[in-house]
Amino acid sequence: MRYFFDTVDPSGARRDGVGIDCPSDNSARRLARKALGEMFSESHNEGDETYEISVRNNAGATVFAGTLAYRRD
């Protein structure tokens, strides 16, 4: 099944129009959690940041939504 990974980071929002084939909803969720960590680790911003990812299936139903928030104290 094809899944679409829409993201929001400090530079803006991106809607995935291509998607990735994954064998299951759980596989897509794992990939999304990994992507959130990668988005954060590749950041060069020094301030507070929020990263979001939402995964849609072929039918357009959301199968996962995650947020990673970083606050620099």
PDB file of N, CA and C in Angstrom:
ATOM      1  N   MET A   1       0.849  -1.182   0.000  1.00  0.00           N
ATOM      2  CA  MET A   1       0.000   0.000   0.000  1.00  0.00           C
ATOM      3  C   MET A   1       0.891   1.241   0.000  1.00  0.00           C
ATOM      4  N   ARG A   2       0.410   2.282  -0.617  1.00  0.00           N
ATOM      5  CA  ARG A   2       1.160   3.534  -0.710  1.00  0.00           C
ATOM      6  C   ARG A   2       0.742   4.464   0.425  1.00  0.00           C
ATOM      7  N   TYR A   3       1.770   5.109   1.027  1.00  0.00           N
ATOM      8  CA  TYR A   3       1.563   6.047   2.124  1.00  0.00           C
ATOM      9  C   TYR A   3       2.224   7.372   1.771  1.00  0.00           C
ATOM     10  N   PHE A   4       1.623   8.448   2.239  1.00  0.00           N
ATOM     11  CA  PHE A   4       2.087   9.802   1.945  1.00  0.00           C
ATOM     12  C   PHE A   4       2.463  10.485   3.252  1.00  0.00           C
ATOM     13  N   PHE A   5       3.651  11.072   3.284  1.00  0.00           N
ATOM     14  CA  PHE A   5       4.232  11.636   4.494  1.00  0.00           C
ATOM     15  C   PHE A   5       4.284  13.159   4.372  1.00  0.00           C
ATOM     16  N   ASP A   6       3.320  13.823   4.967  1.00  0.00           N
ATOM     17  CA  ASP A   6       3.256  15.289   4.959  1.00  0.00           C
ATOM     18  C   ASP A   6       4.021  15.810   6.169  1.00  0.00           C
ATOM     19  N   THR A   7       4.838  16.840   5.975  1.00  0.00           N
ATOM     20  CA  THR A   7       5.687  17.333   7.060  1.00  0.00           C
ATOM     21  C   THR A   7       5.559  18.838   7.252  1.00  0.00           C
ATOM     22  N   VAL A   8       5.863  19.252   8.475  1.00  0.00           N
ATOM     23  CA  VAL A   8       5.966  20.671   8.822  1.00  0.00           C
ATOM     24  C   VAL A   8       7.223  20.820   9.658  1.00  0.00           C
ATOM     25  N   ASP A   9       8.081  21.766   9.267  1.00  0.00           N
ATOM     26  CA  ASP A   9       9.283  22.073  10.042  1.00  0.00           C
ATOM     27  C   ASP A   9       9.462  23.591  10.046  1.00  0.00           C
ATOM     28  N   PRO A  10      10.520  24.101  10.682  1.00  0.00           N
ATOM     29  CA  PRO A  10      10.681  25.558  10.754  1.00  0.00           C
ATOM     30  C   PRO A  10      10.713  26.263   9.391  1.00  0.00           C
ATOM     31  N   SER A  11      11.035  25.544   8.330  1.00  0.00           N
ATOM     32  CA  SER A  11      11.087  26.180   7.009  1.00  0.00           C
ATOM     33  C   SER A  11       9.750  26.142   6.273  1.00  0.00           C
ATOM     34  N   GLY A  12       8.756  25.408   6.802  1.00  0.00           N
ATOM     35  CA  GLY A  12       7.445  25.394   6.175  1.00  0.00           C
ATOM     36  C   GLY A  12       6.810  24.020   6.117  1.00  0.00           C
ATOM     37  N   ALA A  13       5.676  23.956   5.418  1.00  0.00           N
ATOM     38  CA  ALA A  13       4.907  22.715   5.285  1.00  0.00           C
ATOM     39  C   ALA A  13       5.108  22.122   3.896  1.00  0.00           C
ATOM     40  N   ARG A  14       5.113  20.797   3.844  1.00  0.00           N
ATOM     41  CA  ARG A  14       5.251  20.089   2.575  1.00  0.00           C
ATOM     42  C   ARG A  14       4.225  18.960   2.514  1.00  0.00           C
ATOM     43  N   ARG A  15       3.469  18.924   1.437  1.00  0.00           N
ATOM     44  CA  ARG A  15       2.503  17.840   1.221  1.00  0.00           C
ATOM     45  C   ARG A  15       3.121  16.848   0.242  1.00  0.00           C
ATOM     46  N   ASP A  16       3.198  15.605   0.652  1.00  0.00           N
ATOM     47  CA  ASP A  16       3.806  14.544  -0.151  1.00  0.00           C
ATOM     48  C   ASP A  16       2.857  14.139  -1.276  1.00  0.00           C
ATOM     49  N   GLY A  17       3.283  14.324  -2.500  1.00  0.00           N
ATOM     50  CA  GLY A  17       2.479  13.941  -3.649  1.00  0.00           C
ATOM     51  C   GLY A  17       2.940  12.669  -4.314  1.00  0.00           C
ATOM     52  N   VAL A  18       4.043  12.084  -3.818  1.00  0.00           N
ATOM     53  CA  VAL A  18       4.617  10.890  -4.432  1.00  0.00           C
ATOM     54  C   VAL A  18       4.318   9.650  -3.598  1.00  0.00           C
ATOM     55  N   GLY A  19       4.629   9.705  -2.319  1.00  0.00           N
ATOM     56  CA  GLY A  19       4.380   8.584  -1.418  1.00  0.00           C
ATOM     57  C   GLY A  19       5.453   7.518  -1.466  1.00  0.00           C
ATOM     58  N   ILE A  20       5.307   6.564  -0.557  1.00  0.00           N
ATOM     59  CA  ILE A  20       6.241   5.444  -0.421  1.00  0.00           C
ATOM     60  C   ILE A  20       5.413   4.186  -0.199  1.00  0.00           C
ATOM     61  N   ASP A  21       5.807   3.086  -0.828  1.00  0.00           N
ATOM     62  CA  ASP A  21       5.144   1.808  -0.589  1.00  0.00           C
ATOM     63  C   ASP A  21       5.643   1.212   0.716  1.00  0.00           C
ATOM     64  N   CYS A  22       4.716   0.845   1.584  1.00  0.00           N
ATOM     65  CA  CYS A  22       5.023   0.184   2.851  1.00  0.00           C
ATOM     66  C   CYS A  22       4.102  -1.025   2.969  1.00  0.00           C
ATOM     67  N   PRO A  23       4.579  -2.088   3.612  1.00  0.00           N
ATOM     68  CA  PRO A  23       3.759  -3.296   3.712  1.00  0.00           C
ATOM     69  C   PRO A  23       2.561  -3.182   4.656  1.00  0.00           C
ATOM     70  N   SER A  24       2.576  -2.215   5.580  1.00  0.00           N
ATOM     71  CA  SER A  24       1.483  -2.124   6.558  1.00  0.00           C
ATOM     72  C   SER A  24       1.435  -0.731   7.178  1.00  0.00           C
ATOM     73  N   ASP A  25       0.321  -0.451   7.876  1.00  0.00           N
ATOM     74  CA  ASP A  25       0.210   0.802   8.624  1.00  0.00           C
ATOM     75  C   ASP A  25       1.329   0.907   9.651  1.00  0.00           C
ATOM     76  N   ASN A  26       1.618  -0.189  10.349  1.00  0.00           N
ATOM     77  CA  ASN A  26       2.671  -0.164  11.375  1.00  0.00           C
ATOM     78  C   ASN A  26       4.031   0.162  10.784  1.00  0.00           C
ATOM     79  N   SER A  27       4.315  -0.359   9.616  1.00  0.00           N
ATOM     80  CA  SER A  27       5.580  -0.061   8.946  1.00  0.00           C
ATOM     81  C   SER A  27       5.663   1.425   8.595  1.00  0.00           C
ATOM     82  N   ALA A  28       4.574   1.991   8.121  1.00  0.00           N
ATOM     83  CA  ALA A  28       4.540   3.424   7.794  1.00  0.00           C
ATOM     84  C   ALA A  28       4.715   4.266   9.055  1.00  0.00           C
ATOM     85  N   ARG A  29       4.115   3.834  10.161  1.00  0.00           N
ATOM     86  CA  ARG A  29       4.268   4.559  11.433  1.00  0.00           C
ATOM     87  C   ARG A  29       5.722   4.557  11.893  1.00  0.00           C
ATOM     88  N   ARG A  30       6.370   3.399  11.803  1.00  0.00           N
ATOM     89  CA  ARG A  30       7.788   3.312  12.200  1.00  0.00           C
ATOM     90  C   ARG A  30       8.642   4.238  11.344  1.00  0.00           C
ATOM     91  N   LEU A  31       8.384   4.255  10.053  1.00  0.00           N
ATOM     92  CA  LEU A  31       9.130   5.123   9.145  1.00  0.00           C
ATOM     93  C   LEU A  31       8.900   6.595   9.492  1.00  0.00           C
ATOM     94  N   ALA A  32       7.683   6.950   9.857  1.00  0.00           N
ATOM     95  CA  ALA A  32       7.368   8.337  10.228  1.00  0.00           C
ATOM     96  C   ALA A  32       8.102   8.742  11.502  1.00  0.00           C
ATOM     97  N   ARG A  33       8.139   7.861  12.506  1.00  0.00           N
ATOM     98  CA  ARG A  33       8.857   8.183  13.748  1.00  0.00           C
ATOM     99  C   ARG A  33      10.349   8.378  13.470  1.00  0.00           C
ATOM    100  N   LYS A  34      10.899   7.540  12.622  1.00  0.00           N
ATOM    101  CA  LYS A  34      12.311   7.680  12.252  1.00  0.00           C
ATOM    102  C   LYS A  34      12.537   9.004  11.517  1.00  0.00           C
ATOM    103  N   ALA A  35      11.631   9.353  10.622  1.00  0.00           N
ATOM    104  CA  ALA A  35      11.756  10.599   9.859  1.00  0.00           C
ATOM    105  C   ALA A  35      11.721  11.819  10.775  1.00  0.00           C
ATOM    106  N   LEU A  36      10.871  11.794  11.807  1.00  0.00           N
ATOM    107  CA  LEU A  36      10.825  12.917  12.755  1.00  0.00           C
ATOM    108  C   LEU A  36      12.187  13.132  13.406  1.00  0.00           C
ATOM    109  N   GLY A  37      12.803  12.054  13.841  1.00  0.00           N
ATOM    110  CA  GLY A  37      14.131  12.157  14.450  1.00  0.00           C
ATOM    111  C   GLY A  37      15.166  12.692  13.479  1.00  0.00           C
ATOM    112  N   GLU A  38      15.103  12.251  12.234  1.00  0.00           N
ATOM    113  CA  GLU A  38      16.048  12.726  11.223  1.00  0.00           C
ATOM    114  C   GLU A  38      15.832  14.205  10.912  1.00  0.00           C
ATOM    115  N   MET A  39      14.574  14.628  10.857  1.00  0.00           N
ATOM    116  CA  MET A  39      14.279  16.044  10.608  1.00  0.00           C
ATOM    117  C   MET A  39      14.921  16.902  11.690  1.00  0.00           C
ATOM    118  N   PHE A  40      14.788  16.472  12.933  1.00  0.00           N
ATOM    119  CA  PHE A  40      15.356  17.223  14.051  1.00  0.00           C
ATOM    120  C   PHE A  40      16.878  17.194  14.016  1.00  0.00           C
ATOM    121  N   SER A  41      17.465  16.035  13.775  1.00  0.00           N
ATOM    122  CA  SER A  41      18.927  15.923  13.822  1.00  0.00           C
ATOM    123  C   SER A  41      19.606  16.690  12.692  1.00  0.00           C
ATOM    124  N   GLU A  42      18.902  16.933  11.590  1.00  0.00           N
ATOM    125  CA  GLU A  42      19.475  17.674  10.465  1.00  0.00           C
ATOM    126  C   GLU A  42      19.255  19.177  10.575  1.00  0.00           C
ATOM    127  N   SER A  43      18.577  19.613  11.621  1.00  0.00           N
ATOM    128  CA  SER A  43      18.278  21.033  11.803  1.00  0.00           C
ATOM    129  C   SER A  43      19.525  21.814  12.184  1.00  0.00           C
ATOM    130  N   HIS A  44      19.573  23.061  11.750  1.00  0.00           N
ATOM    131  CA  HIS A  44      20.690  23.948  12.091  1.00  0.00           C
ATOM    132  C   HIS A  44      20.217  25.145  12.899  1.00  0.00           C
ATOM    133  N   ASN A  45      18.971  25.110  13.337  1.00  0.00           N
ATOM    134  CA  ASN A  45      18.402  26.211  14.098  1.00  0.00           C
ATOM    135  C   ASN A  45      18.823  26.094  15.559  1.00  0.00           C
ATOM    136  N   GLU A  46      19.042  27.202  16.206  1.00  0.00           N
ATOM    137  CA  GLU A  46      19.482  27.211  17.600  1.00  0.00           C
ATOM    138  C   GLU A  46      18.349  27.483  18.581  1.00  0.00           C
ATOM    139  N   GLY A  47      17.166  27.818  18.100  1.00  0.00           N
ATOM    140  CA  GLY A  47      16.064  28.186  18.990  1.00  0.00           C
ATOM    141  C   GLY A  47      15.046  27.072  19.149  1.00  0.00           C
ATOM    142  N   ASP A  48      13.882  27.433  19.673  1.00  0.00           N
ATOM    143  CA  ASP A  48      12.789  26.483  19.825  1.00  0.00           C
ATOM    144  C   ASP A  48      12.328  26.023  18.440  1.00  0.00           C
ATOM    145  N   GLU A  49      11.996  24.744  18.343  1.00  0.00           N
ATOM    146  CA  GLU A  49      11.576  24.186  17.065  1.00  0.00           C
ATOM    147  C   GLU A  49      10.472  23.170  17.277  1.00  0.00           C
ATOM    148  N   THR A  50       9.593  23.053  16.292  1.00  0.00           N
ATOM    149  CA  THR A  50       8.572  22.014  16.292  1.00  0.00           C
ATOM    150  C   THR A  50       8.571  21.348  14.921  1.00  0.00           C
ATOM    151  N   TYR A  51       8.509  20.023  14.933  1.00  0.00           N
ATOM    152  CA  TYR A  51       8.471  19.221  13.712  1.00  0.00           C
ATOM    153  C   TYR A  51       7.220  18.361  13.758  1.00  0.00           C
ATOM    154  N   GLU A  52       6.550  18.244  12.634  1.00  0.00           N
ATOM    155  CA  GLU A  52       5.326  17.451  12.566  1.00  0.00           C
ATOM    156  C   GLU A  52       5.369  16.557  11.341  1.00  0.00           C
ATOM    157  N   ILE A  53       4.750  15.391  11.479  1.00  0.00           N
ATOM    158  CA  ILE A  53       4.588  14.505  10.336  1.00  0.00           C
ATOM    159  C   ILE A  53       3.214  13.865  10.430  1.00  0.00           C
ATOM    160  N   SER A  54       2.571  13.739   9.293  1.00  0.00           N
ATOM    161  CA  SER A  54       1.259  13.106   9.207  1.00  0.00           C
ATOM    162  C   SER A  54       1.321  12.116   8.052  1.00  0.00           C
ATOM    163  N   VAL A  55       0.853  10.897   8.299  1.00  0.00           N
ATOM    164  CA  VAL A  55       0.912   9.849   7.284  1.00  0.00           C
ATOM    165  C   VAL A  55      -0.503   9.520   6.823  1.00  0.00           C
ATOM    166  N   ARG A  56      -0.706   9.591   5.506  1.00  0.00           N
ATOM    167  CA  ARG A  56      -1.991   9.257   4.889  1.00  0.00           C
ATOM    168  C   ARG A  56      -1.848   7.982   4.068  1.00  0.00           C
ATOM    169  N   ASN A  57      -2.908   7.170   4.030  1.00  0.00           N
ATOM    170  CA  ASN A  57      -2.905   6.010   3.146  1.00  0.00           C
ATOM    171  C   ASN A  57      -3.531   6.392   1.798  1.00  0.00           C
ATOM    172  N   ASN A  58      -3.649   5.422   0.897  1.00  0.00           N
ATOM    173  CA  ASN A  58      -4.216   5.683  -0.440  1.00  0.00           C
ATOM    174  C   ASN A  58      -5.608   6.293  -0.381  1.00  0.00           C
ATOM    175  N   ALA A  59      -6.380   5.928   0.628  1.00  0.00           N
ATOM    176  CA  ALA A  59      -7.750   6.425   0.762  1.00  0.00           C
ATOM    177  C   ALA A  59      -7.803   7.827   1.360  1.00  0.00           C
ATOM    178  N   GLY A  60      -6.651   8.349   1.794  1.00  0.00           N
ATOM    179  CA  GLY A  60      -6.606   9.679   2.387  1.00  0.00           C
ATOM    180  C   GLY A  60      -6.795   9.691   3.892  1.00  0.00           C
ATOM    181  N   ALA A  61      -6.958   8.509   4.493  1.00  0.00           N
ATOM    182  CA  ALA A  61      -7.127   8.428   5.948  1.00  0.00           C
ATOM    183  C   ALA A  61      -5.778   8.595   6.639  1.00  0.00           C
ATOM    184  N   THR A  62      -5.756   9.358   7.717  1.00  0.00           N
ATOM    185  CA  THR A  62      -4.534   9.542   8.498  1.00  0.00           C
ATOM    186  C   THR A  62      -4.306   8.304   9.353  1.00  0.00           C
ATOM    187  N   VAL A  63      -3.130   7.677   9.198  1.00  0.00           N
ATOM    188  CA  VAL A  63      -2.800   6.483   9.984  1.00  0.00           C
ATOM    189  C   VAL A  63      -1.793   6.793  11.087  1.00  0.00           C
ATOM    190  N   PHE A  64      -1.180   7.983  11.032  1.00  0.00           N
ATOM    191  CA  PHE A  64      -0.241   8.397  12.073  1.00  0.00           C
ATOM    192  C   PHE A  64      -0.066   9.905  12.000  1.00  0.00           C
ATOM    193  N   ALA A  65       0.038  10.526  13.159  1.00  0.00           N
ATOM    194  CA  ALA A  65       0.395  11.940  13.243  1.00  0.00           C
ATOM    195  C   ALA A  65       1.318  12.084  14.437  1.00  0.00           C
ATOM    196  N   GLY A  66       2.468  12.686  14.213  1.00  0.00           N
ATOM    197  CA  GLY A  66       3.429  12.852  15.291  1.00  0.00           C
ATOM    198  C   GLY A  66       4.009  14.247  15.311  1.00  0.00           C
ATOM    199  N   THR A  67       4.393  14.674  16.513  1.00  0.00           N
ATOM    200  CA  THR A  67       5.004  15.987  16.709  1.00  0.00           C
ATOM    201  C   THR A  67       6.212  15.841  17.609  1.00  0.00           C
ATOM    202  N   LEU A  68       7.297  16.495  17.241  1.00  0.00           N
ATOM    203  CA  LEU A  68       8.487  16.567  18.071  1.00  0.00           C
ATOM    204  C   LEU A  68       8.733  18.047  18.340  1.00  0.00           C
ATOM    205  N   ALA A  69       8.713  18.412  19.616  1.00  0.00           N
ATOM    206  CA  ALA A  69       8.924  19.815  19.995  1.00  0.00           C
ATOM    207  C   ALA A  69      10.208  19.923  20.797  1.00  0.00           C
ATOM    208  N   TYR A  70      11.025  20.911  20.456  1.00  0.00           N
ATOM    209  CA  TYR A  70      12.290  21.167  21.139  1.00  0.00           C
ATOM    210  C   TYR A  70      12.248  22.585  21.679  1.00  0.00           C
ATOM    211  N   ARG A  71      12.513  22.701  22.945  1.00  0.00           N
ATOM    212  CA  ARG A  71      12.555  24.030  23.558  1.00  0.00           C
ATOM    213  C   ARG A  71      13.921  24.223  24.189  1.00  0.00           C
ATOM    214  N   ARG A  72      14.583  25.247  23.784  1.00  0.00           N
ATOM    215  CA  ARG A  72      15.909  25.557  24.318  1.00  0.00           C
ATOM    216  C   ARG A  72      15.740  26.481  25.516  1.00  0.00           C
ATOM    217  N   ASP A  73      16.151  26.015  26.668  1.00  0.00           N
ATOM    218  CA  ASP A  73      16.067  26.827  27.893  1.00  0.00           C
ATOM    219  C   ASP A  73      17.386  27.471  28.213  1.00  0.00           C
TER     220      ASP A  73
END
